[in-house]
Amino acid sequence: MAKKQTRDKGKKTAGTAKRATKQAPKGSKGSKTRSTAKRVADPRPKLVKEITALLGKMDEASLNFIKQQASVIVTAGEYEEIRKKTMDALSGLQRGTAEKTAPDAVSVVRKDDSFFNISVRGKAVFFNIDEMRALTKLCHAARNGADGARRLVVWFRRERADFLNETGIAGPADPALPKLWENIVTTYKVKA
């Protein structure tokens, strides 16, 4: 009789186990998502426990070495976070600058009576009054924007190649040059 009761208990346990392994309907609290969450639990506590067990078996020199290495790893992680934040901030600034400066934006700004800044695509280049007078004269001599662009490139190559290099202007087909020609012609007059 004792054996039969043991078997009965075993059967009850097996039946209970079968009922326990049945999955709950999807979306209910007992669904698979709950058991999956247990599988992707944070491995750190287990790793800390294993490392702590190993640390107890090390001598002082080894412990100092481990401490230094851990410090390096933590510091590198902190630097990486700072670097990422800095890069994100810089890219935000660059996007802001790109949005503010049109691709072929051109401006001529007179700083005082003796010099000017010509800006193309956000790059400002200094010109003295004599250079600005020469540019004004050649722009007024041009028939139209295309002719003005050609004349400007010839003058810049001869007199101020640095302007072409700084602004990335490769030749007379650059769309910034007719805008520069128009800006100069509408803003400045040739002095006799």
N, C-alpha and C. Protein backbone atom coordinates (compact mmCIF):
# COMPACT_ATOMS: atom_id res chain seq x y z
N MET A 1 0.82 -1.18 0.00
CA MET A 1 0.00 0.00 0.00
C MET A 1 0.86 1.25 0.00
N ALA A 2 1.97 1.18 0.68
CA ALA A 2 2.87 2.33 0.74
C ALA A 2 3.39 2.66 -0.65
N LYS A 3 3.64 1.58 -1.46
CA LYS A 3 4.14 1.81 -2.81
C LYS A 3 3.09 2.50 -3.66
N LYS A 4 1.82 2.08 -3.50
CA LYS A 4 0.74 2.65 -4.29
C LYS A 4 0.58 4.14 -3.99
N GLN A 5 0.67 4.48 -2.70
CA GLN A 5 0.55 5.91 -2.36
C GLN A 5 1.68 6.72 -2.97
N THR A 6 2.87 6.15 -2.98
CA THR A 6 4.02 6.84 -3.57
C THR A 6 3.80 7.04 -5.05
N ARG A 7 3.27 5.96 -5.73
CA ARG A 7 2.99 6.09 -7.16
C ARG A 7 1.93 7.15 -7.40
N ASP A 8 0.90 7.15 -6.54
CA ASP A 8 -0.16 8.13 -6.70
C ASP A 8 0.41 9.55 -6.55
N LYS A 9 1.27 9.69 -5.56
CA LYS A 9 1.90 11.01 -5.40
C LYS A 9 2.69 11.38 -6.63
N GLY A 10 3.42 10.39 -7.18
CA GLY A 10 4.21 10.62 -8.39
C GLY A 10 3.32 11.01 -9.55
N LYS A 11 2.16 10.33 -9.67
CA LYS A 11 1.25 10.65 -10.75
C LYS A 11 0.71 12.06 -10.59
N LYS A 12 0.36 12.39 -9.35
CA LYS A 12 -0.17 13.73 -9.12
C LYS A 12 0.89 14.76 -9.47
N THR A 13 2.13 14.47 -9.10
CA THR A 13 3.23 15.42 -9.38
C THR A 13 3.43 15.53 -10.88
N ALA A 14 3.39 14.38 -11.57
CA ALA A 14 3.60 14.41 -13.02
C ALA A 14 2.47 15.18 -13.69
N GLY A 15 1.23 14.94 -13.25
CA GLY A 15 0.09 15.65 -13.81
C GLY A 15 0.18 17.14 -13.54
N THR A 16 0.61 17.46 -12.33
CA THR A 16 0.77 18.86 -11.97
C THR A 16 1.85 19.49 -12.85
N ALA A 17 2.92 18.73 -13.10
CA ALA A 17 4.02 19.23 -13.92
C ALA A 17 3.54 19.47 -15.34
N LYS A 18 2.72 18.53 -15.86
CA LYS A 18 2.20 18.71 -17.21
C LYS A 18 1.35 19.96 -17.30
N ARG A 19 0.50 20.18 -16.29
CA ARG A 19 -0.34 21.38 -16.30
C ARG A 19 0.53 22.65 -16.19
N ALA A 20 1.61 22.57 -15.44
CA ALA A 20 2.47 23.73 -15.23
C ALA A 20 3.22 24.11 -16.50
N THR A 21 3.52 23.10 -17.37
CA THR A 21 4.27 23.41 -18.58
C THR A 21 3.40 23.94 -19.68
N LYS A 22 2.06 23.81 -19.55
CA LYS A 22 1.18 24.37 -20.57
C LYS A 22 1.36 25.88 -20.59
N GLN A 23 1.39 26.43 -21.83
CA GLN A 23 1.59 27.87 -21.96
C GLN A 23 0.27 28.60 -21.83
N ALA A 24 0.36 29.75 -21.26
CA ALA A 24 -0.82 30.59 -21.16
C ALA A 24 -1.08 31.21 -22.53
N PRO A 25 -2.30 31.64 -22.77
CA PRO A 25 -2.59 32.27 -24.06
C PRO A 25 -1.71 33.50 -24.29
N LYS A 26 -1.46 33.77 -25.58
CA LYS A 26 -0.64 34.94 -25.92
C LYS A 26 -1.25 36.20 -25.35
N GLY A 27 -0.37 37.08 -24.87
CA GLY A 27 -0.83 38.35 -24.33
C GLY A 27 -1.17 38.29 -22.85
N SER A 28 -1.31 37.09 -22.30
CA SER A 28 -1.61 37.01 -20.87
C SER A 28 -0.32 37.10 -20.08
N LYS A 29 -0.44 37.23 -18.78
CA LYS A 29 0.74 37.42 -17.93
C LYS A 29 1.66 36.22 -17.94
N GLY A 30 1.15 35.05 -18.20
CA GLY A 30 1.98 33.85 -18.16
C GLY A 30 2.49 33.44 -19.51
N SER A 31 2.49 34.32 -20.51
CA SER A 31 2.92 33.95 -21.86
C SER A 31 4.44 33.84 -21.94
N LYS A 32 4.93 33.45 -23.13
CA LYS A 32 6.37 33.24 -23.34
C LYS A 32 7.20 34.47 -23.07
N THR A 33 6.69 35.63 -23.29
CA THR A 33 7.49 36.85 -23.14
C THR A 33 8.05 36.96 -21.73
N ARG A 34 7.32 36.43 -20.79
CA ARG A 34 7.79 36.48 -19.40
C ARG A 34 9.00 35.59 -19.21
N SER A 35 8.96 34.37 -19.78
CA SER A 35 10.09 33.46 -19.62
C SER A 35 11.28 33.95 -20.44
N THR A 36 11.04 34.59 -21.58
CA THR A 36 12.12 35.13 -22.40
C THR A 36 12.84 36.24 -21.64
N ALA A 37 12.12 37.04 -20.92
CA ALA A 37 12.73 38.12 -20.15
C ALA A 37 13.70 37.56 -19.12
N LYS A 38 13.39 36.40 -18.57
CA LYS A 38 14.29 35.79 -17.60
C LYS A 38 15.58 35.34 -18.28
N ARG A 39 15.49 34.90 -19.54
CA ARG A 39 16.67 34.42 -20.25
C ARG A 39 17.64 35.54 -20.59
N VAL A 40 17.19 36.74 -20.79
CA VAL A 40 18.07 37.85 -21.14
C VAL A 40 18.34 38.74 -19.93
N ALA A 41 18.32 38.14 -18.78
CA ALA A 41 18.59 38.89 -17.55
C ALA A 41 20.03 39.40 -17.55
N ASP A 42 20.28 40.41 -16.78
CA ASP A 42 21.59 41.04 -16.68
C ASP A 42 22.63 40.02 -16.19
N PRO A 43 23.68 39.76 -16.98
CA PRO A 43 24.70 38.80 -16.58
C PRO A 43 25.71 39.37 -15.58
N ARG A 44 25.64 40.66 -15.33
CA ARG A 44 26.64 41.31 -14.47
C ARG A 44 26.71 40.74 -13.06
N PRO A 45 25.59 40.51 -12.36
CA PRO A 45 25.72 39.99 -10.99
C PRO A 45 26.48 38.67 -10.92
N LYS A 46 26.23 37.80 -11.90
CA LYS A 46 26.93 36.51 -11.92
C LYS A 46 28.43 36.74 -12.16
N LEU A 47 28.75 37.63 -13.10
CA LEU A 47 30.15 37.93 -13.39
C LEU A 47 30.85 38.55 -12.18
N VAL A 48 30.18 39.45 -11.50
CA VAL A 48 30.77 40.09 -10.32
C VAL A 48 31.05 39.05 -9.26
N LYS A 49 30.13 38.12 -9.08
CA LYS A 49 30.29 37.07 -8.08
C LYS A 49 31.50 36.18 -8.44
N GLU A 50 31.62 35.81 -9.73
CA GLU A 50 32.74 34.97 -10.17
C GLU A 50 34.07 35.71 -10.01
N ILE A 51 34.10 36.99 -10.37
CA ILE A 51 35.34 37.78 -10.25
C ILE A 51 35.71 37.94 -8.78
N THR A 52 34.72 38.19 -7.94
CA THR A 52 34.98 38.34 -6.51
C THR A 52 35.58 37.07 -5.94
N ALA A 53 35.08 35.91 -6.38
CA ALA A 53 35.62 34.63 -5.90
C ALA A 53 37.08 34.49 -6.32
N LEU A 54 37.40 34.92 -7.54
CA LEU A 54 38.78 34.83 -8.02
C LEU A 54 39.70 35.81 -7.30
N LEU A 55 39.18 36.99 -6.98
CA LEU A 55 40.00 38.01 -6.32
C LEU A 55 40.49 37.52 -4.95
N GLY A 56 39.68 36.74 -4.29
CA GLY A 56 40.07 36.21 -2.98
C GLY A 56 41.28 35.30 -3.05
N LYS A 57 41.59 34.78 -4.23
CA LYS A 57 42.71 33.84 -4.40
C LYS A 57 43.98 34.53 -4.90
N MET A 58 43.95 35.85 -5.08
CA MET A 58 45.10 36.56 -5.65
C MET A 58 45.94 37.24 -4.58
N ASP A 59 47.24 37.43 -4.94
CA ASP A 59 48.14 38.15 -4.04
C ASP A 59 47.98 39.66 -4.26
N GLU A 60 48.67 40.46 -3.45
CA GLU A 60 48.51 41.91 -3.48
C GLU A 60 48.92 42.52 -4.83
N ALA A 61 50.01 42.05 -5.42
CA ALA A 61 50.48 42.59 -6.71
C ALA A 61 49.43 42.34 -7.80
N SER A 62 48.86 41.17 -7.81
CA SER A 62 47.83 40.85 -8.81
C SER A 62 46.59 41.71 -8.61
N LEU A 63 46.22 41.93 -7.35
CA LEU A 63 45.06 42.77 -7.05
C LEU A 63 45.29 44.21 -7.52
N ASN A 64 46.50 44.74 -7.31
CA ASN A 64 46.83 46.09 -7.78
C ASN A 64 46.74 46.17 -9.30
N PHE A 65 47.24 45.13 -9.96
CA PHE A 65 47.18 45.09 -11.42
C PHE A 65 45.72 45.10 -11.89
N ILE A 66 44.89 44.26 -11.29
CA ILE A 66 43.48 44.18 -11.65
C ILE A 66 42.79 45.53 -11.40
N LYS A 67 43.14 46.18 -10.30
CA LYS A 67 42.56 47.48 -9.99
C LYS A 67 42.92 48.51 -11.06
N GLN A 68 44.20 48.52 -11.48
CA GLN A 68 44.63 49.46 -12.51
C GLN A 68 43.90 49.20 -13.84
N GLN A 69 43.79 47.93 -14.19
CA GLN A 69 43.12 47.58 -15.44
C GLN A 69 41.64 47.98 -15.41
N ALA A 70 41.01 47.74 -14.27
CA ALA A 70 39.60 48.12 -14.14
C ALA A 70 39.45 49.63 -14.24
N SER A 71 40.37 50.36 -13.65
CA SER A 71 40.34 51.82 -13.72
C SER A 71 40.49 52.30 -15.16
N VAL A 72 41.39 51.67 -15.91
CA VAL A 72 41.59 52.03 -17.32
C VAL A 72 40.32 51.78 -18.12
N ILE A 73 39.69 50.64 -17.88
CA ILE A 73 38.47 50.29 -18.62
C ILE A 73 37.35 51.29 -18.31
N VAL A 74 37.19 51.63 -17.05
CA VAL A 74 36.14 52.57 -16.65
C VAL A 74 36.41 53.95 -17.25
N THR A 75 37.65 54.41 -17.18
CA THR A 75 38.02 55.71 -17.72
C THR A 75 37.82 55.75 -19.23
N ALA A 76 38.20 54.67 -19.92
CA ALA A 76 38.01 54.61 -21.38
C ALA A 76 36.53 54.70 -21.72
N GLY A 77 35.70 54.05 -20.95
CA GLY A 77 34.26 54.13 -21.17
C GLY A 77 33.73 55.53 -20.97
N GLU A 78 34.22 56.21 -19.94
CA GLU A 78 33.80 57.59 -19.68
C GLU A 78 34.25 58.51 -20.81
N TYR A 79 35.49 58.32 -21.29
CA TYR A 79 35.98 59.14 -22.39
C TYR A 79 35.16 58.89 -23.65
N GLU A 80 34.80 57.64 -23.89
CA GLU A 80 34.01 57.31 -25.07
C GLU A 80 32.64 58.00 -25.01
N GLU A 81 32.03 58.01 -23.84
CA GLU A 81 30.74 58.70 -23.68
C GLU A 81 30.89 60.20 -23.96
N ILE A 82 31.95 60.80 -23.42
CA ILE A 82 32.20 62.23 -23.62
C ILE A 82 32.46 62.49 -25.10
N ARG A 83 33.24 61.63 -25.75
CA ARG A 83 33.54 61.79 -27.17
C ARG A 83 32.26 61.73 -28.01
N LYS A 84 31.39 60.76 -27.70
CA LYS A 84 30.13 60.64 -28.44
C LYS A 84 29.26 61.88 -28.27
N LYS A 85 29.18 62.38 -27.02
CA LYS A 85 28.38 63.59 -26.77
C LYS A 85 28.96 64.78 -27.53
N THR A 86 30.28 64.89 -27.55
CA THR A 86 30.94 65.99 -28.25
C THR A 86 30.69 65.89 -29.75
N MET A 87 30.83 64.69 -30.30
CA MET A 87 30.60 64.50 -31.73
C MET A 87 29.15 64.80 -32.10
N ASP A 88 28.21 64.39 -31.25
CA ASP A 88 26.80 64.69 -31.50
C ASP A 88 26.57 66.20 -31.49
N ALA A 89 27.17 66.88 -30.52
CA ALA A 89 27.02 68.33 -30.43
C ALA A 89 27.63 69.01 -31.65
N LEU A 90 28.81 68.56 -32.07
CA LEU A 90 29.46 69.15 -33.23
C LEU A 90 28.67 68.91 -34.51
N SER A 91 28.14 67.71 -34.67
CA SER A 91 27.36 67.43 -35.87
C SER A 91 26.09 68.27 -35.88
N GLY A 92 25.52 68.53 -34.69
CA GLY A 92 24.36 69.41 -34.60
C GLY A 92 24.71 70.82 -35.01
N LEU A 93 25.89 71.29 -34.60
CA LEU A 93 26.33 72.62 -35.00
C LEU A 93 26.58 72.70 -36.50
N GLN A 94 27.18 71.65 -37.06
CA GLN A 94 27.45 71.64 -38.49
C GLN A 94 26.16 71.61 -39.28
N ARG A 95 25.17 70.83 -38.81
CA ARG A 95 23.87 70.81 -39.48
C ARG A 95 23.24 72.20 -39.42
N GLY A 96 23.36 72.85 -38.27
CA GLY A 96 22.81 74.20 -38.12
C GLY A 96 23.48 75.19 -39.05
N THR A 97 24.80 75.08 -39.20
CA THR A 97 25.53 75.97 -40.09
C THR A 97 25.15 75.70 -41.53
N ALA A 98 25.02 74.42 -41.87
CA ALA A 98 24.66 74.07 -43.25
C ALA A 98 23.26 74.58 -43.57
N GLU A 99 22.37 74.53 -42.62
CA GLU A 99 21.01 75.01 -42.86
C GLU A 99 21.00 76.52 -43.01
N LYS A 100 21.86 77.24 -42.29
CA LYS A 100 21.88 78.69 -42.34
C LYS A 100 22.57 79.20 -43.60
N THR A 101 23.59 78.48 -44.11
CA THR A 101 24.35 78.90 -45.26
C THR A 101 23.88 78.11 -46.48
N ALA A 102 23.30 78.81 -47.43
CA ALA A 102 22.87 78.15 -48.65
C ALA A 102 24.10 77.64 -49.38
N PRO A 103 23.95 76.62 -50.23
CA PRO A 103 25.12 76.02 -50.90
C PRO A 103 25.96 77.02 -51.67
N ASP A 104 25.33 78.01 -52.29
CA ASP A 104 26.08 78.98 -53.08
C ASP A 104 25.90 80.40 -52.56
N ALA A 105 25.72 80.53 -51.26
CA ALA A 105 25.52 81.85 -50.66
C ALA A 105 26.76 82.71 -50.88
N VAL A 106 26.52 83.94 -51.30
CA VAL A 106 27.60 84.88 -51.59
C VAL A 106 27.26 86.21 -50.93
N SER A 107 28.27 86.81 -50.29
CA SER A 107 28.07 88.15 -49.74
C SER A 107 29.37 88.93 -49.81
N VAL A 108 29.23 90.23 -49.94
CA VAL A 108 30.38 91.13 -49.91
C VAL A 108 30.09 92.12 -48.78
N VAL A 109 30.98 92.14 -47.80
CA VAL A 109 30.78 92.99 -46.64
C VAL A 109 31.95 93.97 -46.53
N ARG A 110 31.60 95.22 -46.47
CA ARG A 110 32.63 96.26 -46.30
C ARG A 110 32.87 96.44 -44.82
N LYS A 111 34.12 96.23 -44.39
CA LYS A 111 34.45 96.32 -42.97
C LYS A 111 34.73 97.75 -42.54
N ASP A 112 35.41 98.48 -43.34
CA ASP A 112 35.60 99.92 -43.14
C ASP A 112 35.98 100.50 -44.50
N ASP A 113 36.55 101.65 -44.54
CA ASP A 113 36.85 102.28 -45.83
C ASP A 113 37.95 101.57 -46.62
N SER A 114 38.73 100.73 -45.97
CA SER A 114 39.88 100.19 -46.68
C SER A 114 39.87 98.69 -46.93
N PHE A 115 38.90 97.94 -46.42
CA PHE A 115 38.89 96.51 -46.75
C PHE A 115 37.50 95.90 -46.73
N PHE A 116 37.41 94.73 -47.41
CA PHE A 116 36.15 94.02 -47.61
C PHE A 116 36.35 92.54 -47.34
N ASN A 117 35.28 91.87 -47.00
CA ASN A 117 35.28 90.41 -46.91
C ASN A 117 34.29 89.88 -47.94
N ILE A 118 34.77 89.02 -48.81
CA ILE A 118 33.88 88.35 -49.75
C ILE A 118 33.69 86.94 -49.20
N SER A 119 32.44 86.59 -48.95
CA SER A 119 32.11 85.27 -48.40
C SER A 119 31.38 84.43 -49.43
N VAL A 120 31.87 83.22 -49.61
CA VAL A 120 31.23 82.24 -50.49
C VAL A 120 31.15 80.94 -49.72
N ARG A 121 29.92 80.41 -49.59
CA ARG A 121 29.68 79.14 -48.88
C ARG A 121 30.24 79.17 -47.45
N GLY A 122 30.14 80.31 -46.81
CA GLY A 122 30.58 80.43 -45.43
C GLY A 122 32.07 80.69 -45.25
N LYS A 123 32.83 80.78 -46.33
CA LYS A 123 34.26 81.06 -46.26
C LYS A 123 34.49 82.52 -46.63
N ALA A 124 34.99 83.29 -45.66
CA ALA A 124 35.22 84.72 -45.89
C ALA A 124 36.69 84.97 -46.21
N VAL A 125 36.93 85.75 -47.27
CA VAL A 125 38.30 86.07 -47.70
C VAL A 125 38.43 87.60 -47.74
N PHE A 126 39.52 88.08 -47.16
CA PHE A 126 39.81 89.52 -47.04
C PHE A 126 40.30 90.08 -48.38
N PHE A 127 39.79 91.25 -48.74
CA PHE A 127 40.25 91.99 -49.93
C PHE A 127 40.47 93.44 -49.54
N ASN A 128 41.55 94.04 -50.06
CA ASN A 128 41.77 95.47 -49.77
C ASN A 128 40.99 96.33 -50.76
N ILE A 129 41.00 97.61 -50.57
CA ILE A 129 40.19 98.54 -51.37
C ILE A 129 40.60 98.53 -52.85
N ASP A 130 41.89 98.42 -53.11
CA ASP A 130 42.36 98.40 -54.51
C ASP A 130 41.87 97.14 -55.22
N GLU A 131 41.93 96.01 -54.54
CA GLU A 131 41.43 94.76 -55.15
C GLU A 131 39.93 94.85 -55.40
N MET A 132 39.22 95.43 -54.47
CA MET A 132 37.77 95.55 -54.62
C MET A 132 37.42 96.49 -55.77
N ARG A 133 38.19 97.54 -55.95
CA ARG A 133 37.97 98.45 -57.09
C ARG A 133 38.21 97.72 -58.41
N ALA A 134 39.25 96.91 -58.46
CA ALA A 134 39.54 96.14 -59.69
C ALA A 134 38.40 95.15 -59.98
N LEU A 135 37.90 94.48 -58.94
CA LEU A 135 36.78 93.55 -59.12
C LEU A 135 35.53 94.28 -59.59
N THR A 136 35.27 95.44 -59.02
CA THR A 136 34.09 96.23 -59.40
C THR A 136 34.19 96.65 -60.86
N LYS A 137 35.37 97.09 -61.28
CA LYS A 137 35.58 97.53 -62.66
C LYS A 137 35.36 96.38 -63.64
N LEU A 138 35.92 95.21 -63.35
CA LEU A 138 35.77 94.09 -64.29
C LEU A 138 34.35 93.54 -64.29
N CYS A 139 33.65 93.59 -63.17
CA CYS A 139 32.25 93.14 -63.13
C CYS A 139 31.36 94.06 -63.94
N HIS A 140 31.58 95.38 -63.86
CA HIS A 140 30.77 96.32 -64.64
C HIS A 140 31.09 96.24 -66.13
N ALA A 141 32.27 95.76 -66.48
CA ALA A 141 32.64 95.61 -67.89
C ALA A 141 32.03 94.35 -68.52
N ALA A 142 31.58 93.41 -67.69
CA ALA A 142 31.01 92.16 -68.20
C ALA A 142 29.61 92.40 -68.75
N ARG A 143 29.25 91.62 -69.81
CA ARG A 143 27.94 91.75 -70.44
C ARG A 143 26.82 91.13 -69.62
N ASN A 144 27.14 90.02 -68.92
CA ASN A 144 26.11 89.30 -68.14
C ASN A 144 26.80 88.45 -67.07
N GLY A 145 26.02 87.66 -66.35
CA GLY A 145 26.57 86.85 -65.26
C GLY A 145 27.60 85.83 -65.71
N ALA A 146 27.36 85.20 -66.87
CA ALA A 146 28.30 84.19 -67.37
C ALA A 146 29.63 84.85 -67.75
N ASP A 147 29.55 85.99 -68.43
CA ASP A 147 30.76 86.72 -68.79
C ASP A 147 31.46 87.22 -67.53
N GLY A 148 30.67 87.70 -66.57
CA GLY A 148 31.24 88.15 -65.30
C GLY A 148 31.94 87.01 -64.56
N ALA A 149 31.35 85.83 -64.56
CA ALA A 149 31.95 84.66 -63.90
C ALA A 149 33.29 84.32 -64.54
N ARG A 150 33.33 84.34 -65.89
CA ARG A 150 34.57 84.05 -66.60
C ARG A 150 35.65 85.07 -66.26
N ARG A 151 35.28 86.35 -66.26
CA ARG A 151 36.25 87.41 -65.95
C ARG A 151 36.73 87.31 -64.49
N LEU A 152 35.82 87.00 -63.57
CA LEU A 152 36.21 86.85 -62.17
C LEU A 152 37.21 85.72 -61.98
N VAL A 153 36.98 84.58 -62.63
CA VAL A 153 37.91 83.45 -62.49
C VAL A 153 39.28 83.82 -63.03
N VAL A 154 39.33 84.46 -64.17
CA VAL A 154 40.62 84.87 -64.74
C VAL A 154 41.35 85.78 -63.77
N TRP A 155 40.65 86.77 -63.20
CA TRP A 155 41.28 87.71 -62.28
C TRP A 155 41.74 86.99 -61.00
N PHE A 156 40.87 86.14 -60.44
CA PHE A 156 41.24 85.42 -59.20
C PHE A 156 42.44 84.51 -59.44
N ARG A 157 42.49 83.84 -60.57
CA ARG A 157 43.65 82.95 -60.86
C ARG A 157 44.94 83.75 -60.97
N ARG A 158 44.83 84.93 -61.55
CA ARG A 158 46.01 85.76 -61.73
C ARG A 158 46.42 86.49 -60.45
N GLU A 159 45.45 87.06 -59.72
CA GLU A 159 45.74 87.92 -58.58
C GLU A 159 45.55 87.28 -57.20
N ARG A 160 44.51 86.46 -57.05
CA ARG A 160 44.16 85.93 -55.72
C ARG A 160 43.69 84.47 -55.80
N ALA A 161 44.60 83.58 -56.19
CA ALA A 161 44.25 82.15 -56.29
C ALA A 161 43.81 81.59 -54.94
N ASP A 162 44.24 82.22 -53.85
CA ASP A 162 43.84 81.77 -52.53
C ASP A 162 42.32 81.81 -52.35
N PHE A 163 41.67 82.79 -53.00
CA PHE A 163 40.22 82.90 -52.91
C PHE A 163 39.56 81.67 -53.53
N LEU A 164 40.04 81.27 -54.69
CA LEU A 164 39.48 80.08 -55.35
C LEU A 164 39.72 78.83 -54.51
N ASN A 165 40.89 78.72 -53.93
CA ASN A 165 41.21 77.55 -53.09
C ASN A 165 40.35 77.52 -51.83
N GLU A 166 40.23 78.66 -51.18
CA GLU A 166 39.45 78.72 -49.92
C GLU A 166 37.99 78.41 -50.14
N THR A 167 37.42 78.92 -51.21
CA THR A 167 35.98 78.79 -51.44
C THR A 167 35.61 77.55 -52.24
N GLY A 168 36.59 76.88 -52.79
CA GLY A 168 36.31 75.66 -53.56
C GLY A 168 35.78 75.93 -54.95
N ILE A 169 35.98 77.14 -55.45
CA ILE A 169 35.53 77.47 -56.80
C ILE A 169 36.54 76.90 -57.79
N ALA A 170 36.04 76.04 -58.71
CA ALA A 170 36.94 75.36 -59.65
C ALA A 170 37.04 76.07 -60.98
N GLY A 171 35.99 76.76 -61.37
CA GLY A 171 36.02 77.41 -62.67
C GLY A 171 34.82 78.29 -62.88
N PRO A 172 34.68 78.84 -64.09
CA PRO A 172 33.62 79.79 -64.38
C PRO A 172 32.21 79.19 -64.31
N ALA A 173 32.08 77.88 -64.34
CA ALA A 173 30.76 77.24 -64.28
C ALA A 173 30.22 77.18 -62.85
N ASP A 174 31.02 77.55 -61.88
CA ASP A 174 30.55 77.51 -60.49
C ASP A 174 29.40 78.49 -60.31
N PRO A 175 28.27 78.02 -59.74
CA PRO A 175 27.09 78.89 -59.60
C PRO A 175 27.27 80.07 -58.64
N ALA A 176 28.31 80.04 -57.83
CA ALA A 176 28.54 81.16 -56.91
C ALA A 176 29.07 82.39 -57.64
N LEU A 177 29.75 82.20 -58.75
CA LEU A 177 30.37 83.33 -59.45
C LEU A 177 29.36 84.31 -60.05
N PRO A 178 28.31 83.85 -60.75
CA PRO A 178 27.31 84.83 -61.23
C PRO A 178 26.65 85.57 -60.08
N LYS A 179 26.49 84.91 -58.95
CA LYS A 179 25.90 85.58 -57.78
C LYS A 179 26.85 86.65 -57.25
N LEU A 180 28.15 86.33 -57.23
CA LEU A 180 29.13 87.32 -56.80
C LEU A 180 29.14 88.50 -57.78
N TRP A 181 29.12 88.21 -59.09
CA TRP A 181 29.08 89.26 -60.10
C TRP A 181 27.87 90.17 -59.88
N GLU A 182 26.69 89.55 -59.69
CA GLU A 182 25.47 90.33 -59.48
C GLU A 182 25.55 91.18 -58.21
N ASN A 183 26.09 90.59 -57.15
CA ASN A 183 26.23 91.30 -55.88
C ASN A 183 27.11 92.54 -56.05
N ILE A 184 28.22 92.38 -56.72
CA ILE A 184 29.15 93.50 -56.93
C ILE A 184 28.53 94.57 -57.82
N VAL A 185 27.90 94.16 -58.93
CA VAL A 185 27.33 95.10 -59.88
C VAL A 185 26.20 95.91 -59.26
N THR A 186 25.36 95.25 -58.45
CA THR A 186 24.21 95.97 -57.88
C THR A 186 24.59 96.79 -56.65
N THR A 187 25.72 96.49 -56.02
CA THR A 187 26.07 97.17 -54.77
C THR A 187 27.13 98.27 -54.96
N TYR A 188 28.08 98.06 -55.87
CA TYR A 188 29.21 98.98 -55.99
C TYR A 188 29.27 99.62 -57.37
N LYS A 189 29.73 100.84 -57.41
CA LYS A 189 29.87 101.61 -58.65
C LYS A 189 31.34 101.83 -58.95
N VAL A 190 31.66 101.93 -60.25
CA VAL A 190 33.04 102.20 -60.65
C VAL A 190 33.32 103.67 -60.42
N LYS A 191 34.43 103.92 -59.73
CA LYS A 191 34.83 105.31 -59.48
C LYS A 191 35.78 105.76 -60.58
N ALA A 192 35.57 106.98 -61.03
CA ALA A 192 36.38 107.53 -62.13
C ALA A 192 37.73 107.98 -61.67
